[in-house]
Amino acid sequence: MRRSVIFITANVVVLGGLAWVLAPRSANDAPAPDKTVHAAFVVRQAKRVSGPPVIRTQTGAHLQIEVESDRDDELHLHGYDRSWPLSAGELASASLVLDRAGRFALELHHADIELTTLEVQPQ
C-alpha cells in the first residue's frame, strides 16, 4: 500500500510539472527583451545638430537618451507624458522602460522643436 501511494504521488508531481512546462503561453507571458536603446543628441540654437531623426524599438526595451543643449529647456516625450530638464552646456540623461506601442514625439518644449520620433512596436 505504501509503495502505491509513493508511486501515485510521484506520478502526479511529474505529470503536473510536464503540464506546466508544455502549456501554451500567451504573448503577455513572454519575457521583455533584454535590450537598451541609446540615442545621443546635440542641440545648437534650437536645432538638432546630431542624433537620429527616428528611434525604432519594441515594447519592453529600456530607452536611454542623452542631450547636450546650448540653452536651458525641457525635454518632453509625448504619449508617455514624461519631462526632463535641460541645462545649457550640461549633458542631460533621460531614461525609461517603454511599455506603450506607438509613435511618439520627443521635443524640446520651450524651443518647440521635435528632436526625434520614437517608434515603439509591440513585441
N, C-alpha and C. Protein backbone atom coordinates (compact mmCIF):
# COMPACT_ATOMS: atom_id res chain seq x y z
N MET A 1 0.84 -1.20 0.00
CA MET A 1 0.00 0.00 0.00
C MET A 1 0.87 1.25 0.00
N ARG A 2 1.92 1.26 0.84
CA ARG A 2 2.78 2.43 0.93
C ARG A 2 3.50 2.70 -0.38
N ARG A 3 3.94 1.64 -1.08
CA ARG A 3 4.61 1.81 -2.37
C ARG A 3 3.66 2.41 -3.40
N SER A 4 2.43 2.02 -3.41
CA SER A 4 1.48 2.55 -4.38
C SER A 4 1.18 4.02 -4.12
N VAL A 5 1.15 4.43 -2.85
CA VAL A 5 0.93 5.85 -2.53
C VAL A 5 2.12 6.68 -3.01
N ILE A 6 3.32 6.18 -2.79
CA ILE A 6 4.53 6.90 -3.24
C ILE A 6 4.54 6.96 -4.78
N PHE A 7 4.21 5.85 -5.42
CA PHE A 7 4.18 5.80 -6.88
C PHE A 7 3.16 6.79 -7.45
N ILE A 8 1.98 6.82 -6.89
CA ILE A 8 0.93 7.73 -7.35
C ILE A 8 1.34 9.19 -7.12
N THR A 9 1.89 9.49 -5.95
CA THR A 9 2.34 10.85 -5.64
C THR A 9 3.42 11.30 -6.62
N ALA A 10 4.38 10.42 -6.89
CA ALA A 10 5.46 10.76 -7.82
C ALA A 10 4.90 11.02 -9.21
N ASN A 11 3.96 10.20 -9.64
CA ASN A 11 3.36 10.40 -10.97
C ASN A 11 2.59 11.72 -11.06
N VAL A 12 1.87 12.07 -10.02
CA VAL A 12 1.14 13.34 -10.00
C VAL A 12 2.11 14.51 -10.12
N VAL A 13 3.21 14.46 -9.38
CA VAL A 13 4.20 15.54 -9.43
C VAL A 13 4.82 15.64 -10.82
N VAL A 14 5.21 14.52 -11.39
CA VAL A 14 5.83 14.52 -12.72
C VAL A 14 4.84 15.02 -13.78
N LEU A 15 3.63 14.51 -13.76
CA LEU A 15 2.64 14.93 -14.75
C LEU A 15 2.27 16.41 -14.60
N GLY A 16 2.17 16.87 -13.36
CA GLY A 16 1.89 18.30 -13.13
C GLY A 16 3.00 19.18 -13.68
N GLY A 17 4.25 18.77 -13.46
CA GLY A 17 5.39 19.52 -13.99
C GLY A 17 5.40 19.56 -15.51
N LEU A 18 5.13 18.41 -16.12
CA LEU A 18 5.06 18.36 -17.59
C LEU A 18 3.94 19.24 -18.13
N ALA A 19 2.81 19.22 -17.49
CA ALA A 19 1.69 20.06 -17.92
C ALA A 19 2.06 21.54 -17.85
N TRP A 20 2.77 21.93 -16.82
CA TRP A 20 3.18 23.34 -16.68
C TRP A 20 4.19 23.71 -17.75
N VAL A 21 5.19 22.84 -18.00
CA VAL A 21 6.23 23.12 -18.99
C VAL A 21 5.65 23.18 -20.40
N LEU A 22 4.73 22.27 -20.70
CA LEU A 22 4.21 22.17 -22.06
C LEU A 22 2.98 23.03 -22.33
N ALA A 23 2.49 23.73 -21.33
CA ALA A 23 1.30 24.57 -21.50
C ALA A 23 1.58 25.70 -22.48
N PRO A 24 0.61 26.02 -23.36
CA PRO A 24 0.81 27.14 -24.28
C PRO A 24 0.93 28.46 -23.51
N ARG A 25 1.75 29.33 -24.01
CA ARG A 25 1.99 30.63 -23.38
C ARG A 25 1.38 31.72 -24.23
N SER A 26 0.86 32.76 -23.58
CA SER A 26 0.35 33.92 -24.31
C SER A 26 1.48 34.92 -24.50
N ALA A 27 1.25 35.92 -25.34
CA ALA A 27 2.25 36.96 -25.58
C ALA A 27 2.60 37.70 -24.30
N ASN A 28 1.65 37.81 -23.39
CA ASN A 28 1.91 38.51 -22.13
C ASN A 28 2.86 37.75 -21.24
N ASP A 29 3.01 36.44 -21.44
CA ASP A 29 3.92 35.63 -20.64
C ASP A 29 5.36 35.73 -21.12
N ALA A 30 5.56 36.24 -22.33
CA ALA A 30 6.91 36.31 -22.87
C ALA A 30 7.74 37.33 -22.10
N PRO A 31 8.99 37.01 -21.85
CA PRO A 31 9.83 37.96 -21.13
C PRO A 31 10.13 39.18 -22.00
N ALA A 32 10.31 40.31 -21.36
CA ALA A 32 10.64 41.53 -22.09
C ALA A 32 12.04 41.39 -22.68
N PRO A 33 12.27 41.97 -23.85
CA PRO A 33 13.60 41.86 -24.42
C PRO A 33 14.62 42.53 -23.52
N ASP A 34 15.75 41.89 -23.39
CA ASP A 34 16.83 42.46 -22.58
C ASP A 34 17.61 43.40 -23.49
N LYS A 35 17.03 44.58 -23.73
CA LYS A 35 17.60 45.48 -24.72
C LYS A 35 17.57 46.91 -24.21
N THR A 36 18.68 47.58 -24.38
CA THR A 36 18.74 49.01 -24.08
C THR A 36 19.03 49.74 -25.39
N VAL A 37 18.25 50.76 -25.66
CA VAL A 37 18.41 51.58 -26.85
C VAL A 37 19.00 52.91 -26.42
N HIS A 38 20.16 53.26 -26.99
CA HIS A 38 20.83 54.52 -26.67
C HIS A 38 20.67 55.50 -27.83
N ALA A 39 20.43 56.75 -27.51
CA ALA A 39 20.40 57.81 -28.52
C ALA A 39 21.00 59.06 -27.90
N ALA A 40 21.91 59.71 -28.64
CA ALA A 40 22.56 60.92 -28.14
C ALA A 40 22.29 62.06 -29.13
N PHE A 41 22.01 63.24 -28.55
CA PHE A 41 21.67 64.41 -29.36
C PHE A 41 22.50 65.61 -28.94
N VAL A 42 22.81 66.44 -29.92
CA VAL A 42 23.41 67.75 -29.66
C VAL A 42 22.47 68.77 -30.27
N VAL A 43 22.13 69.80 -29.49
CA VAL A 43 21.22 70.85 -29.95
C VAL A 43 21.94 72.19 -29.86
N ARG A 44 21.94 72.93 -30.97
CA ARG A 44 22.54 74.27 -31.01
C ARG A 44 21.53 75.23 -31.64
N GLN A 45 21.32 76.36 -31.00
CA GLN A 45 20.42 77.40 -31.47
C GLN A 45 19.05 76.80 -31.84
N ALA A 46 18.53 75.98 -30.94
CA ALA A 46 17.20 75.36 -31.07
C ALA A 46 17.06 74.45 -32.29
N LYS A 47 18.18 73.84 -32.74
CA LYS A 47 18.15 72.91 -33.85
C LYS A 47 18.97 71.67 -33.50
N ARG A 48 18.48 70.51 -33.94
CA ARG A 48 19.22 69.27 -33.74
C ARG A 48 20.42 69.27 -34.67
N VAL A 49 21.61 69.19 -34.08
CA VAL A 49 22.85 69.14 -34.85
C VAL A 49 23.26 67.69 -35.09
N SER A 50 23.02 66.84 -34.11
CA SER A 50 23.31 65.43 -34.28
C SER A 50 22.32 64.59 -33.49
N GLY A 51 22.18 63.35 -33.93
CA GLY A 51 21.24 62.44 -33.29
C GLY A 51 20.25 61.91 -34.32
N PRO A 52 19.69 60.74 -34.06
CA PRO A 52 18.80 60.12 -35.05
C PRO A 52 17.45 60.83 -35.16
N PRO A 53 16.94 60.99 -36.39
CA PRO A 53 15.62 61.60 -36.57
C PRO A 53 14.49 60.67 -36.11
N VAL A 54 14.75 59.35 -36.08
CA VAL A 54 13.76 58.37 -35.64
C VAL A 54 14.48 57.31 -34.80
N ILE A 55 13.85 56.93 -33.69
CA ILE A 55 14.35 55.83 -32.86
C ILE A 55 13.31 54.73 -32.97
N ARG A 56 13.74 53.54 -33.42
CA ARG A 56 12.82 52.41 -33.57
C ARG A 56 13.21 51.30 -32.59
N THR A 57 12.21 50.78 -31.87
CA THR A 57 12.45 49.72 -30.91
C THR A 57 11.15 48.99 -30.61
N GLN A 58 11.16 48.13 -29.59
CA GLN A 58 9.98 47.37 -29.21
C GLN A 58 9.61 47.65 -27.76
N THR A 59 8.35 47.34 -27.44
CA THR A 59 7.93 47.47 -26.05
C THR A 59 8.80 46.58 -25.18
N GLY A 60 9.03 47.03 -23.97
CA GLY A 60 9.88 46.32 -23.03
C GLY A 60 11.32 46.77 -23.07
N ALA A 61 11.72 47.47 -24.12
CA ALA A 61 13.10 47.95 -24.21
C ALA A 61 13.31 49.10 -23.22
N HIS A 62 14.55 49.29 -22.84
CA HIS A 62 14.94 50.39 -21.97
C HIS A 62 15.54 51.48 -22.85
N LEU A 63 14.96 52.67 -22.81
CA LEU A 63 15.44 53.79 -23.62
C LEU A 63 16.34 54.68 -22.79
N GLN A 64 17.53 54.96 -23.31
CA GLN A 64 18.49 55.84 -22.65
C GLN A 64 18.83 56.96 -23.63
N ILE A 65 18.49 58.21 -23.27
CA ILE A 65 18.74 59.35 -24.15
C ILE A 65 19.67 60.32 -23.45
N GLU A 66 20.61 60.87 -24.22
CA GLU A 66 21.49 61.93 -23.72
C GLU A 66 21.34 63.14 -24.64
N VAL A 67 21.22 64.30 -24.03
CA VAL A 67 21.05 65.54 -24.80
C VAL A 67 21.98 66.60 -24.26
N GLU A 68 22.72 67.22 -25.17
CA GLU A 68 23.53 68.39 -24.82
C GLU A 68 22.96 69.57 -25.59
N SER A 69 22.54 70.59 -24.87
CA SER A 69 21.91 71.76 -25.48
C SER A 69 22.67 73.02 -25.08
N ASP A 70 22.67 74.01 -25.96
CA ASP A 70 23.32 75.29 -25.63
C ASP A 70 22.36 76.25 -24.93
N ARG A 71 21.12 75.79 -24.69
CA ARG A 71 20.13 76.62 -23.99
C ARG A 71 19.38 75.78 -22.96
N ASP A 72 18.91 76.43 -21.91
CA ASP A 72 18.03 75.75 -20.96
C ASP A 72 16.72 75.42 -21.66
N ASP A 73 16.21 74.25 -21.39
CA ASP A 73 14.95 73.85 -22.00
C ASP A 73 14.39 72.68 -21.21
N GLU A 74 13.39 72.03 -21.78
CA GLU A 74 12.80 70.85 -21.17
C GLU A 74 12.58 69.83 -22.26
N LEU A 75 13.07 68.62 -22.04
CA LEU A 75 12.86 67.52 -22.95
C LEU A 75 11.53 66.88 -22.59
N HIS A 76 10.64 66.72 -23.56
CA HIS A 76 9.30 66.19 -23.28
C HIS A 76 8.97 65.06 -24.25
N LEU A 77 8.54 63.91 -23.70
CA LEU A 77 8.14 62.77 -24.51
C LEU A 77 6.63 62.64 -24.48
N HIS A 78 6.01 62.95 -25.62
CA HIS A 78 4.55 62.85 -25.74
C HIS A 78 4.12 61.39 -25.66
N GLY A 79 2.90 61.16 -25.21
CA GLY A 79 2.37 59.82 -25.10
C GLY A 79 2.76 59.13 -23.81
N TYR A 80 3.93 59.43 -23.32
CA TYR A 80 4.39 58.92 -22.03
C TYR A 80 4.25 60.00 -20.96
N ASP A 81 4.06 61.25 -21.42
CA ASP A 81 3.92 62.41 -20.55
C ASP A 81 5.07 62.48 -19.53
N ARG A 82 6.29 62.38 -20.06
CA ARG A 82 7.48 62.46 -19.22
C ARG A 82 8.30 63.66 -19.67
N SER A 83 8.92 64.34 -18.70
CA SER A 83 9.74 65.51 -18.99
C SER A 83 11.02 65.46 -18.18
N TRP A 84 12.09 66.01 -18.76
CA TRP A 84 13.37 66.10 -18.09
C TRP A 84 13.95 67.48 -18.34
N PRO A 85 14.51 68.13 -17.31
CA PRO A 85 15.09 69.47 -17.51
C PRO A 85 16.41 69.39 -18.27
N LEU A 86 16.66 70.42 -19.08
CA LEU A 86 17.93 70.56 -19.78
C LEU A 86 18.58 71.86 -19.33
N SER A 87 19.83 71.78 -18.94
CA SER A 87 20.60 72.97 -18.56
C SER A 87 21.65 73.23 -19.62
N ALA A 88 21.78 74.48 -20.01
CA ALA A 88 22.71 74.87 -21.06
C ALA A 88 24.12 74.37 -20.74
N GLY A 89 24.75 73.73 -21.75
CA GLY A 89 26.12 73.28 -21.62
C GLY A 89 26.33 72.00 -20.82
N GLU A 90 25.27 71.42 -20.28
CA GLU A 90 25.40 70.19 -19.49
C GLU A 90 24.76 69.03 -20.24
N LEU A 91 25.36 67.85 -20.05
CA LEU A 91 24.81 66.66 -20.65
C LEU A 91 23.68 66.14 -19.76
N ALA A 92 22.48 66.06 -20.33
CA ALA A 92 21.32 65.57 -19.57
C ALA A 92 21.01 64.15 -20.01
N SER A 93 20.60 63.33 -19.06
CA SER A 93 20.23 61.95 -19.35
C SER A 93 18.76 61.72 -19.03
N ALA A 94 18.09 61.00 -19.89
CA ALA A 94 16.70 60.61 -19.69
C ALA A 94 16.62 59.11 -19.90
N SER A 95 15.84 58.46 -19.06
CA SER A 95 15.78 57.01 -19.11
C SER A 95 14.39 56.53 -18.75
N LEU A 96 13.89 55.51 -19.48
CA LEU A 96 12.62 54.90 -19.13
C LEU A 96 12.46 53.57 -19.85
N VAL A 97 11.60 52.73 -19.30
CA VAL A 97 11.24 51.46 -19.94
C VAL A 97 10.01 51.72 -20.80
N LEU A 98 10.06 51.28 -22.03
CA LEU A 98 9.00 51.55 -22.99
C LEU A 98 7.90 50.49 -22.87
N ASP A 99 6.77 50.90 -22.31
CA ASP A 99 5.68 49.96 -22.08
C ASP A 99 4.46 50.24 -22.96
N ARG A 100 4.58 51.19 -23.90
CA ARG A 100 3.47 51.53 -24.80
C ARG A 100 3.95 51.50 -26.24
N ALA A 101 3.16 50.87 -27.08
CA ALA A 101 3.47 50.86 -28.51
C ALA A 101 2.86 52.10 -29.15
N GLY A 102 3.51 52.57 -30.19
CA GLY A 102 3.00 53.73 -30.92
C GLY A 102 4.13 54.59 -31.45
N ARG A 103 3.73 55.75 -31.93
CA ARG A 103 4.69 56.73 -32.48
C ARG A 103 4.58 57.98 -31.64
N PHE A 104 5.69 58.39 -31.04
CA PHE A 104 5.68 59.48 -30.06
C PHE A 104 6.74 60.53 -30.40
N ALA A 105 6.36 61.78 -30.26
CA ALA A 105 7.30 62.89 -30.49
C ALA A 105 8.10 63.15 -29.22
N LEU A 106 9.41 63.33 -29.39
CA LEU A 106 10.29 63.77 -28.32
C LEU A 106 10.72 65.17 -28.69
N GLU A 107 10.31 66.14 -27.89
CA GLU A 107 10.52 67.54 -28.28
C GLU A 107 11.26 68.33 -27.22
N LEU A 108 11.83 69.43 -27.68
CA LEU A 108 12.32 70.46 -26.76
C LEU A 108 11.14 71.38 -26.54
N HIS A 109 10.63 71.38 -25.34
CA HIS A 109 9.36 72.01 -25.04
C HIS A 109 9.37 73.53 -25.27
N HIS A 110 10.34 74.23 -24.71
CA HIS A 110 10.35 75.70 -24.83
C HIS A 110 10.74 76.17 -26.23
N ALA A 111 11.67 75.46 -26.87
CA ALA A 111 12.06 75.82 -28.24
C ALA A 111 11.00 75.38 -29.25
N ASP A 112 10.09 74.50 -28.83
CA ASP A 112 9.01 74.00 -29.66
C ASP A 112 9.53 73.34 -30.93
N ILE A 113 10.54 72.45 -30.75
CA ILE A 113 11.04 71.69 -31.89
C ILE A 113 10.97 70.20 -31.56
N GLU A 114 10.70 69.42 -32.59
CA GLU A 114 10.71 67.97 -32.42
C GLU A 114 12.15 67.50 -32.58
N LEU A 115 12.67 66.90 -31.52
CA LEU A 115 14.04 66.42 -31.54
C LEU A 115 14.15 65.11 -32.32
N THR A 116 13.20 64.21 -32.09
CA THR A 116 13.17 62.93 -32.77
C THR A 116 11.77 62.33 -32.64
N THR A 117 11.53 61.26 -33.36
CA THR A 117 10.29 60.49 -33.22
C THR A 117 10.65 59.12 -32.69
N LEU A 118 9.93 58.71 -31.67
CA LEU A 118 10.13 57.39 -31.07
C LEU A 118 9.05 56.46 -31.62
N GLU A 119 9.46 55.39 -32.30
CA GLU A 119 8.53 54.40 -32.82
C GLU A 119 8.72 53.11 -32.03
N VAL A 120 7.66 52.73 -31.28
CA VAL A 120 7.72 51.54 -30.42
C VAL A 120 6.74 50.52 -30.96
N GLN A 121 7.28 49.39 -31.40
CA GLN A 121 6.46 48.30 -31.93
C GLN A 121 6.12 47.32 -30.81
N PRO A 122 4.93 46.72 -30.83
CA PRO A 122 4.63 45.70 -29.83
C PRO A 122 5.50 44.47 -30.07
N GLN A 123 5.76 43.73 -29.01
CA GLN A 123 6.57 42.51 -29.14
C GLN A 123 5.82 41.46 -29.93
